[in-house]
Amino acid sequence: MSLLEERHVYKPFRYPWAYDAWLTQQRIHWLPEEVPLADDVKDWSKKLTDSERNLLTQIFRFFVQADVEVNNCYMKHYSRVFKPT
């Protein structure tokens, strides 16, 4: 059976190593539902000074802008190769 040949069943996996690689990738990141943030919101409002909040805000802005730049680079260099479906 080739990689592109249609199958009518989900399991058993033909390529278990590919499923294992996918599973490993899924475990690398976390989802917001998995991490309680309620205490962080309270701490942001009540425990941090204005200077600390300002510093963290600047750091968050940097990371957001970095993600925007990475996305722009992907679009510039890869969108010509991999067309969106």
N, C-alpha and C. Protein backbone atom coordinates (compact mmCIF):
# COMPACT_ATOMS: atom_id res chain seq x y z
N MET A 1 0.85 -1.18 0.00
CA MET A 1 0.00 0.00 0.00
C MET A 1 0.89 1.24 0.00
N SER A 2 0.57 2.18 -0.86
CA SER A 2 1.36 3.41 -0.93
C SER A 2 0.82 4.42 0.08
N LEU A 3 1.59 5.45 0.30
CA LEU A 3 1.23 6.50 1.24
C LEU A 3 -0.05 7.21 0.82
N LEU A 4 -0.30 7.32 -0.47
CA LEU A 4 -1.46 8.06 -0.97
C LEU A 4 -2.66 7.17 -1.29
N GLU A 5 -2.52 5.88 -1.09
CA GLU A 5 -3.63 4.97 -1.38
C GLU A 5 -4.70 5.10 -0.29
N GLU A 6 -5.95 5.13 -0.71
CA GLU A 6 -7.06 5.30 0.22
C GLU A 6 -7.25 4.07 1.10
N ARG A 7 -7.54 4.33 2.39
CA ARG A 7 -7.86 3.26 3.32
C ARG A 7 -9.22 3.55 3.91
N HIS A 8 -9.94 2.51 4.30
CA HIS A 8 -11.27 2.69 4.86
C HIS A 8 -11.29 2.51 6.37
N VAL A 9 -10.12 2.33 6.96
CA VAL A 9 -10.03 2.17 8.41
C VAL A 9 -8.99 3.14 8.96
N TYR A 10 -9.19 3.54 10.21
CA TYR A 10 -8.25 4.46 10.86
C TYR A 10 -7.08 3.70 11.48
N LYS A 11 -7.39 2.59 12.15
CA LYS A 11 -6.36 1.77 12.78
C LYS A 11 -6.47 0.35 12.24
N PRO A 12 -5.46 -0.43 12.24
CA PRO A 12 -4.13 -0.16 12.76
C PRO A 12 -3.39 0.81 11.83
N PHE A 13 -2.51 1.57 12.43
CA PHE A 13 -1.74 2.53 11.66
C PHE A 13 -0.76 1.82 10.74
N ARG A 14 -0.68 2.30 9.53
CA ARG A 14 0.29 1.76 8.58
C ARG A 14 1.69 2.28 8.91
N TYR A 15 1.75 3.51 9.40
CA TYR A 15 3.03 4.14 9.74
C TYR A 15 3.00 4.60 11.20
N PRO A 16 3.19 3.70 12.15
CA PRO A 16 3.10 4.09 13.55
C PRO A 16 4.13 5.14 13.96
N TRP A 17 5.27 5.17 13.30
CA TRP A 17 6.29 6.18 13.61
C TRP A 17 5.77 7.58 13.30
N ALA A 18 4.93 7.71 12.28
CA ALA A 18 4.39 9.03 11.94
C ALA A 18 3.40 9.49 13.01
N TYR A 19 2.58 8.56 13.49
CA TYR A 19 1.65 8.90 14.57
C TYR A 19 2.42 9.28 15.83
N ASP A 20 3.46 8.55 16.15
CA ASP A 20 4.29 8.87 17.32
C ASP A 20 4.92 10.26 17.19
N ALA A 21 5.36 10.61 16.00
CA ALA A 21 5.94 11.94 15.77
C ALA A 21 4.88 13.02 15.97
N TRP A 22 3.67 12.77 15.48
CA TRP A 22 2.57 13.72 15.67
C TRP A 22 2.26 13.88 17.15
N LEU A 23 2.19 12.76 17.86
CA LEU A 23 1.87 12.80 19.29
C LEU A 23 2.94 13.57 20.06
N THR A 24 4.19 13.36 19.74
CA THR A 24 5.28 14.10 20.38
C THR A 24 5.13 15.59 20.13
N GLN A 25 4.79 15.97 18.90
CA GLN A 25 4.60 17.38 18.56
C GLN A 25 3.44 17.98 19.35
N GLN A 26 2.37 17.23 19.54
CA GLN A 26 1.22 17.73 20.28
C GLN A 26 1.55 17.96 21.75
N ARG A 27 2.49 17.22 22.28
CA ARG A 27 2.86 17.36 23.69
C ARG A 27 3.82 18.52 23.93
N ILE A 28 4.34 19.13 22.88
CA ILE A 28 5.30 20.22 23.03
C ILE A 28 4.63 21.50 23.51
N HIS A 29 3.40 21.73 23.11
CA HIS A 29 2.74 22.98 23.47
C HIS A 29 1.60 22.71 24.46
N TRP A 30 1.14 23.76 25.09
CA TRP A 30 0.02 23.64 25.99
C TRP A 30 -1.11 24.52 25.49
N LEU A 31 -2.30 24.19 25.92
CA LEU A 31 -3.49 24.95 25.56
C LEU A 31 -3.94 25.79 26.75
N PRO A 32 -4.58 26.92 26.51
CA PRO A 32 -5.01 27.77 27.61
C PRO A 32 -5.89 27.04 28.63
N GLU A 33 -6.67 26.08 28.17
CA GLU A 33 -7.55 25.34 29.08
C GLU A 33 -6.76 24.48 30.07
N GLU A 34 -5.51 24.19 29.75
CA GLU A 34 -4.70 23.32 30.59
C GLU A 34 -3.97 24.06 31.71
N VAL A 35 -3.95 25.39 31.65
CA VAL A 35 -3.19 26.17 32.64
C VAL A 35 -4.12 27.21 33.26
N PRO A 36 -4.39 27.09 34.56
CA PRO A 36 -5.25 28.09 35.20
C PRO A 36 -4.54 29.44 35.29
N LEU A 37 -5.21 30.48 34.82
CA LEU A 37 -4.60 31.81 34.79
C LEU A 37 -5.31 32.81 35.71
N ALA A 38 -6.31 32.36 36.45
CA ALA A 38 -7.09 33.29 37.28
C ALA A 38 -6.20 34.00 38.30
N ASP A 39 -5.28 33.28 38.92
CA ASP A 39 -4.40 33.92 39.91
C ASP A 39 -3.46 34.91 39.24
N ASP A 40 -3.05 34.63 38.01
CA ASP A 40 -2.18 35.56 37.30
C ASP A 40 -2.90 36.88 37.02
N VAL A 41 -4.17 36.79 36.68
CA VAL A 41 -4.95 38.01 36.42
C VAL A 41 -5.05 38.84 37.70
N LYS A 42 -5.29 38.18 38.82
CA LYS A 42 -5.36 38.90 40.10
C LYS A 42 -4.01 39.53 40.44
N ASP A 43 -2.94 38.76 40.26
CA ASP A 43 -1.60 39.29 40.55
C ASP A 43 -1.27 40.49 39.68
N TRP A 44 -1.66 40.44 38.41
CA TRP A 44 -1.41 41.56 37.49
C TRP A 44 -2.06 42.83 38.03
N SER A 45 -3.28 42.68 38.53
CA SER A 45 -4.03 43.85 39.00
C SER A 45 -3.59 44.34 40.36
N LYS A 46 -3.21 43.44 41.26
CA LYS A 46 -3.02 43.83 42.65
C LYS A 46 -1.58 43.77 43.15
N LYS A 47 -0.76 42.87 42.61
CA LYS A 47 0.58 42.68 43.18
C LYS A 47 1.69 43.42 42.44
N LEU A 48 1.49 43.69 41.16
CA LEU A 48 2.56 44.32 40.38
C LEU A 48 2.50 45.84 40.52
N THR A 49 3.67 46.43 40.53
CA THR A 49 3.74 47.90 40.51
C THR A 49 3.52 48.37 39.07
N ASP A 50 3.32 49.66 38.90
CA ASP A 50 3.16 50.21 37.55
C ASP A 50 4.41 49.94 36.71
N SER A 51 5.58 50.05 37.33
CA SER A 51 6.83 49.81 36.60
C SER A 51 6.94 48.36 36.15
N GLU A 52 6.56 47.43 37.01
CA GLU A 52 6.62 46.01 36.64
C GLU A 52 5.63 45.70 35.52
N ARG A 53 4.42 46.26 35.63
CA ARG A 53 3.43 46.06 34.57
C ARG A 53 3.92 46.63 33.25
N ASN A 54 4.54 47.80 33.30
CA ASN A 54 5.06 48.43 32.09
C ASN A 54 6.15 47.56 31.45
N LEU A 55 7.07 47.05 32.28
CA LEU A 55 8.13 46.19 31.76
C LEU A 55 7.55 44.95 31.09
N LEU A 56 6.62 44.29 31.76
CA LEU A 56 6.01 43.09 31.18
C LEU A 56 5.23 43.41 29.91
N THR A 57 4.54 44.54 29.90
CA THR A 57 3.81 44.94 28.70
C THR A 57 4.76 45.11 27.52
N GLN A 58 5.91 45.72 27.75
CA GLN A 58 6.90 45.89 26.67
C GLN A 58 7.43 44.54 26.19
N ILE A 59 7.66 43.63 27.12
CA ILE A 59 8.13 42.29 26.75
C ILE A 59 7.08 41.58 25.92
N PHE A 60 5.81 41.65 26.34
CA PHE A 60 4.73 41.02 25.58
C PHE A 60 4.61 41.62 24.19
N ARG A 61 4.75 42.93 24.09
CA ARG A 61 4.69 43.59 22.78
C ARG A 61 5.82 43.10 21.88
N PHE A 62 7.01 42.92 22.46
CA PHE A 62 8.13 42.41 21.67
C PHE A 62 7.80 41.04 21.10
N PHE A 63 7.28 40.14 21.94
CA PHE A 63 6.98 38.79 21.46
C PHE A 63 5.88 38.79 20.40
N VAL A 64 4.88 39.64 20.57
CA VAL A 64 3.82 39.74 19.56
C VAL A 64 4.42 40.23 18.24
N GLN A 65 5.24 41.27 18.30
CA GLN A 65 5.85 41.78 17.07
C GLN A 65 6.77 40.75 16.44
N ALA A 66 7.50 40.00 17.26
CA ALA A 66 8.37 38.94 16.72
C ALA A 66 7.55 37.90 15.98
N ASP A 67 6.40 37.51 16.54
CA ASP A 67 5.52 36.56 15.85
C ASP A 67 5.00 37.12 14.54
N VAL A 68 4.67 38.41 14.53
CA VAL A 68 4.21 39.05 13.29
C VAL A 68 5.32 39.00 12.24
N GLU A 69 6.54 39.30 12.64
CA GLU A 69 7.67 39.29 11.69
C GLU A 69 7.94 37.88 11.16
N VAL A 70 7.86 36.88 12.02
CA VAL A 70 8.05 35.50 11.57
C VAL A 70 6.97 35.13 10.57
N ASN A 71 5.72 35.50 10.86
CA ASN A 71 4.64 35.21 9.93
C ASN A 71 4.87 35.91 8.59
N ASN A 72 5.29 37.16 8.62
CA ASN A 72 5.57 37.89 7.38
C ASN A 72 6.66 37.20 6.57
N CYS A 73 7.67 36.72 7.26
CA CYS A 73 8.77 36.02 6.58
C CYS A 73 8.26 34.72 5.95
N TYR A 74 7.43 33.98 6.70
CA TYR A 74 6.85 32.76 6.14
C TYR A 74 6.06 33.08 4.88
N MET A 75 5.24 34.10 4.96
CA MET A 75 4.40 34.45 3.81
C MET A 75 5.26 34.88 2.63
N LYS A 76 6.30 35.63 2.88
CA LYS A 76 7.15 36.13 1.80
C LYS A 76 7.91 34.99 1.12
N HIS A 77 8.46 34.08 1.92
CA HIS A 77 9.35 33.06 1.36
C HIS A 77 8.67 31.74 1.03
N TYR A 78 7.64 31.36 1.80
CA TYR A 78 7.06 30.04 1.61
C TYR A 78 5.73 30.05 0.85
N SER A 79 5.03 31.17 0.85
CA SER A 79 3.73 31.17 0.18
C SER A 79 3.87 30.96 -1.33
N ARG A 80 5.04 31.29 -1.87
CA ARG A 80 5.25 31.04 -3.30
C ARG A 80 5.43 29.55 -3.57
N VAL A 81 5.94 28.83 -2.57
CA VAL A 81 6.22 27.40 -2.74
C VAL A 81 5.00 26.57 -2.36
N PHE A 82 4.40 26.89 -1.21
CA PHE A 82 3.27 26.13 -0.69
C PHE A 82 2.02 26.98 -0.80
N LYS A 83 1.22 26.73 -1.80
CA LYS A 83 0.01 27.52 -2.01
C LYS A 83 -1.04 27.13 -0.98
N PRO A 84 -1.74 28.11 -0.39
CA PRO A 84 -2.81 27.78 0.56
C PRO A 84 -3.91 26.98 -0.12
N THR A 85 -4.51 26.09 0.64
CA THR A 85 -5.60 25.27 0.07
C THR A 85 -6.93 25.78 0.53
